[in-house]
């Protein structure tokens, strides 16, 4: 197995775990907070054999929406953190004013070293995109609140934009712009 593939698999473990854990924690939290009645059934047919059933469809939409929201938030926070951290780091390399501003805000630990890579940001963004597409599809099907679909769409657009900007910054390291050299 190549080193790149090993690194991709190593990076992909945490987003996958957090995606599943966020969905499960959302279901558990919604059931505890709203004291919902549900029952568990085991069916041999299909991919998922254990299923949760609720008494009415509005309860199912509530639980699904809240678990989707928690899953999206759990994936979006690290993704946005990595994008912002990389952008600040790259900005400090190009603009000394940014170092002064960061020193005033006591955020020097953010620029100490570049431990976030484009691959890390790309993988986290990919997981966020997959989760956002799932939420948007459920929104279209009517089994998720529309405002949660809107939030996931905005977060997906922002993360794609941030990933593209990070990619441009990485490319500028390799192929610097000619006008900046003179």
Protein backbone atom coordinates (compact mmCIF):
# COMPACT_ATOMS: atom_id res chain seq x y z
CA UNK A 1 0.00 0.00 0.00
CA UNK A 2 1.37 3.42 -0.91
CA UNK A 3 2.28 6.02 1.70
CA UNK A 4 -0.30 8.45 0.34
CA UNK A 5 -3.09 5.91 0.67
CA UNK A 6 -1.99 5.04 4.22
CA UNK A 7 -2.00 8.73 5.10
CA UNK A 8 -5.45 9.24 3.56
CA UNK A 9 -6.85 6.31 5.54
CA UNK A 10 -5.21 7.57 8.72
CA UNK A 11 -6.70 11.05 8.27
CA UNK A 12 -10.13 9.67 7.29
CA UNK A 13 -10.66 7.72 10.50
CA UNK A 14 -11.57 10.70 12.71
CA UNK A 15 -14.10 12.34 10.38
CA UNK A 16 -15.80 8.99 9.86
CA UNK A 17 -15.98 8.29 13.58
CA UNK A 18 -17.26 11.81 14.32
CA UNK A 19 -19.86 11.59 11.55
CA UNK A 20 -21.35 8.39 12.95
CA UNK A 21 -20.99 9.50 16.57
CA UNK A 22 -22.65 12.84 15.81
CA UNK A 23 -25.66 11.15 14.25
CA UNK A 24 -25.99 8.66 17.13
CA UNK A 25 -25.52 11.33 19.81
CA UNK A 26 -28.14 13.46 18.08
CA UNK A 27 -30.64 10.60 18.15
CA UNK A 28 -29.91 9.83 21.80
CA UNK A 29 -30.04 13.51 22.82
CA UNK A 30 -33.35 14.10 21.04
CA UNK A 31 -34.88 11.04 22.70
CA UNK A 32 -33.68 12.09 26.15
CA UNK A 33 -34.52 15.80 25.89
CA UNK A 34 -38.01 15.34 24.44
CA UNK A 35 -38.74 12.05 26.28
CA UNK A 36 -39.90 10.37 23.08
CA UNK A 37 -41.53 6.98 22.82
CA UNK A 38 -39.83 4.63 20.40
CA UNK A 39 -39.36 0.94 19.89
CA UNK A 40 -36.61 -1.08 18.28
CA UNK A 41 -37.28 -3.75 15.68
CA UNK A 42 -34.90 -6.26 14.17
CA UNK A 43 -35.43 -7.12 10.53
CA UNK A 44 -33.22 -9.55 8.70
CA UNK A 45 -33.89 -7.99 5.28
CA UNK A 46 -32.02 -4.97 4.05
CA UNK A 47 -28.71 -3.39 4.89
CA UNK A 48 -29.56 -2.20 8.38
CA UNK A 49 -31.17 -4.89 10.47
CA UNK A 50 -31.88 -2.85 13.64
CA UNK A 51 -34.33 0.02 13.17
CA UNK A 52 -35.92 2.64 15.43
CA UNK A 53 -39.61 3.33 15.06
CA UNK A 54 -41.54 6.29 16.44
CA UNK A 55 -45.26 6.69 17.05
CA UNK A 56 -45.82 9.39 14.42
CA UNK A 57 -43.98 10.91 11.47
CA UNK A 58 -43.52 14.36 13.05
CA UNK A 59 -41.48 12.78 15.86
CA UNK A 60 -39.32 11.00 13.29
CA UNK A 61 -38.73 14.29 11.45
CA UNK A 62 -37.77 15.99 14.74
CA UNK A 63 -35.26 13.31 15.72
CA UNK A 64 -33.82 13.08 12.22
CA UNK A 65 -33.46 16.86 11.96
CA UNK A 66 -31.75 17.27 15.32
CA UNK A 67 -29.37 14.38 14.71
CA UNK A 68 -28.53 15.81 11.27
CA UNK A 69 -27.85 19.21 12.81
CA UNK A 70 -25.50 17.75 15.41
CA UNK A 71 -23.70 15.66 12.79
CA UNK A 72 -23.18 18.69 10.52
CA UNK A 73 -21.95 20.87 13.39
CA UNK A 74 -19.52 18.21 14.61
CA UNK A 75 -18.04 17.93 11.11
CA UNK A 76 -18.11 21.65 10.32
CA UNK A 77 -16.26 22.93 13.39
CA UNK A 78 -12.94 21.13 12.73
CA UNK A 79 -13.18 21.77 8.99
CA UNK A 80 -13.63 25.50 9.47
CA UNK A 81 -10.90 25.51 12.14
CA UNK A 82 -8.40 23.88 9.75
CA UNK A 83 -9.31 26.25 6.92
CA UNK A 84 -8.99 29.37 9.10
CA UNK A 85 -5.75 28.17 10.69
CA UNK A 86 -4.16 27.49 7.31
CA UNK A 87 -5.36 30.81 5.91
CA UNK A 88 -3.92 32.71 8.86
CA UNK A 89 -0.64 30.82 8.61
CA UNK A 90 -0.32 31.56 4.89
CA UNK A 91 -1.27 35.20 5.45
CA UNK A 92 1.46 35.62 8.05
CA UNK A 93 4.03 34.35 5.58
CA UNK A 94 2.98 36.95 3.02
CA UNK A 95 1.98 39.95 5.12
CA UNK A 96 3.84 41.15 8.25
CA UNK A 97 0.79 43.15 9.38
CA UNK A 98 -1.01 39.88 10.06
CA UNK A 99 1.71 38.87 12.52
CA UNK A 100 1.22 42.13 14.41
CA UNK A 101 -2.55 41.65 14.51
CA UNK A 102 -2.24 38.08 15.70
CA UNK A 103 0.26 39.11 18.37
CA UNK A 104 -2.20 41.72 19.66
CA UNK A 105 -4.94 39.08 19.79
CA UNK A 106 -2.56 36.62 21.53
CA UNK A 107 -2.99 33.96 18.84
CA UNK A 108 0.67 33.28 18.10
CA UNK A 109 0.24 29.56 18.74
CA UNK A 110 -1.84 29.43 15.54
CA UNK A 111 1.12 30.43 13.40
CA UNK A 112 3.84 28.52 15.22
CA UNK A 113 3.92 25.71 12.67
CA UNK A 114 1.99 24.50 9.69
CA UNK A 115 0.57 21.17 10.87
CA UNK A 116 -2.52 21.29 8.68
CA UNK A 117 -2.10 20.18 5.12
CA UNK A 118 -4.27 20.48 2.07
CA UNK A 119 -4.95 16.74 2.23
CA UNK A 120 -6.33 17.06 5.77
CA UNK A 121 -8.60 19.95 4.76
CA UNK A 122 -9.70 18.14 1.60
CA UNK A 123 -10.71 14.98 3.48
CA UNK A 124 -12.60 16.87 6.22
CA UNK A 125 -14.34 18.95 3.54
CA UNK A 126 -15.26 15.78 1.66
CA UNK A 127 -16.90 14.28 4.72
CA UNK A 128 -18.75 17.54 5.37
CA UNK A 129 -19.93 17.59 1.76
CA UNK A 130 -21.21 14.02 1.94
CA UNK A 131 -23.06 14.77 5.18
CA UNK A 132 -24.46 17.99 3.70
CA UNK A 133 -25.68 16.20 0.58
CA UNK A 134 -27.40 13.60 2.77
CA UNK A 135 -29.12 16.33 4.78
CA UNK A 136 -30.15 18.24 1.65
CA UNK A 137 -31.53 15.03 0.09
CA UNK A 138 -33.51 14.35 3.26
CA UNK A 139 -34.71 17.95 3.18
CA UNK A 140 -35.98 17.45 -0.38
CA UNK A 141 -37.70 14.22 0.70
CA UNK A 142 -39.41 16.08 3.55
CA UNK A 143 -37.86 14.12 6.41
CA UNK A 144 -35.69 16.98 7.69
CA UNK A 145 -36.44 20.60 8.55
CA UNK A 146 -35.69 23.05 5.76
CA UNK A 147 -33.61 25.40 7.91
CA UNK A 148 -31.21 22.57 8.74
CA UNK A 149 -30.89 21.86 5.02
CA UNK A 150 -30.11 25.55 4.50
CA UNK A 151 -27.47 25.55 7.22
CA UNK A 152 -25.82 22.47 5.76
CA UNK A 153 -25.86 23.98 2.27
CA UNK A 154 -24.20 27.19 3.52
CA UNK A 155 -21.57 25.22 5.45
CA UNK A 156 -20.89 23.04 2.41
CA UNK A 157 -20.44 26.09 0.17
CA UNK A 158 -18.15 27.77 2.70
CA UNK A 159 -16.04 24.65 3.16
CA UNK A 160 -15.66 24.15 -0.60
CA UNK A 161 -14.67 27.79 -0.99
CA UNK A 162 -12.15 27.47 1.86
CA UNK A 163 -10.73 24.29 0.39
CA UNK A 164 -10.30 25.96 -2.99
CA UNK A 165 -8.58 28.94 -1.37
CA UNK A 166 -6.28 26.58 0.53
CA UNK A 167 -5.48 24.78 -2.70
CA UNK A 168 -4.63 28.09 -4.36
CA UNK A 169 -2.32 28.95 -1.47
CA UNK A 170 -0.58 25.58 -1.74
CA UNK A 171 -0.15 26.07 -5.48
CA UNK A 172 1.30 29.55 -4.86
CA UNK A 173 3.98 27.92 -2.69
CA UNK A 174 5.01 25.70 -5.57
CA UNK A 175 4.49 28.15 -8.45
CA UNK A 176 4.79 31.70 -7.10
CA UNK A 177 3.21 34.53 -9.03
CA UNK A 178 5.71 36.44 -11.13
CA UNK A 179 4.55 39.89 -10.07
CA UNK A 180 5.28 39.09 -6.41
CA UNK A 181 8.87 38.19 -7.17
CA UNK A 182 9.75 41.67 -8.45
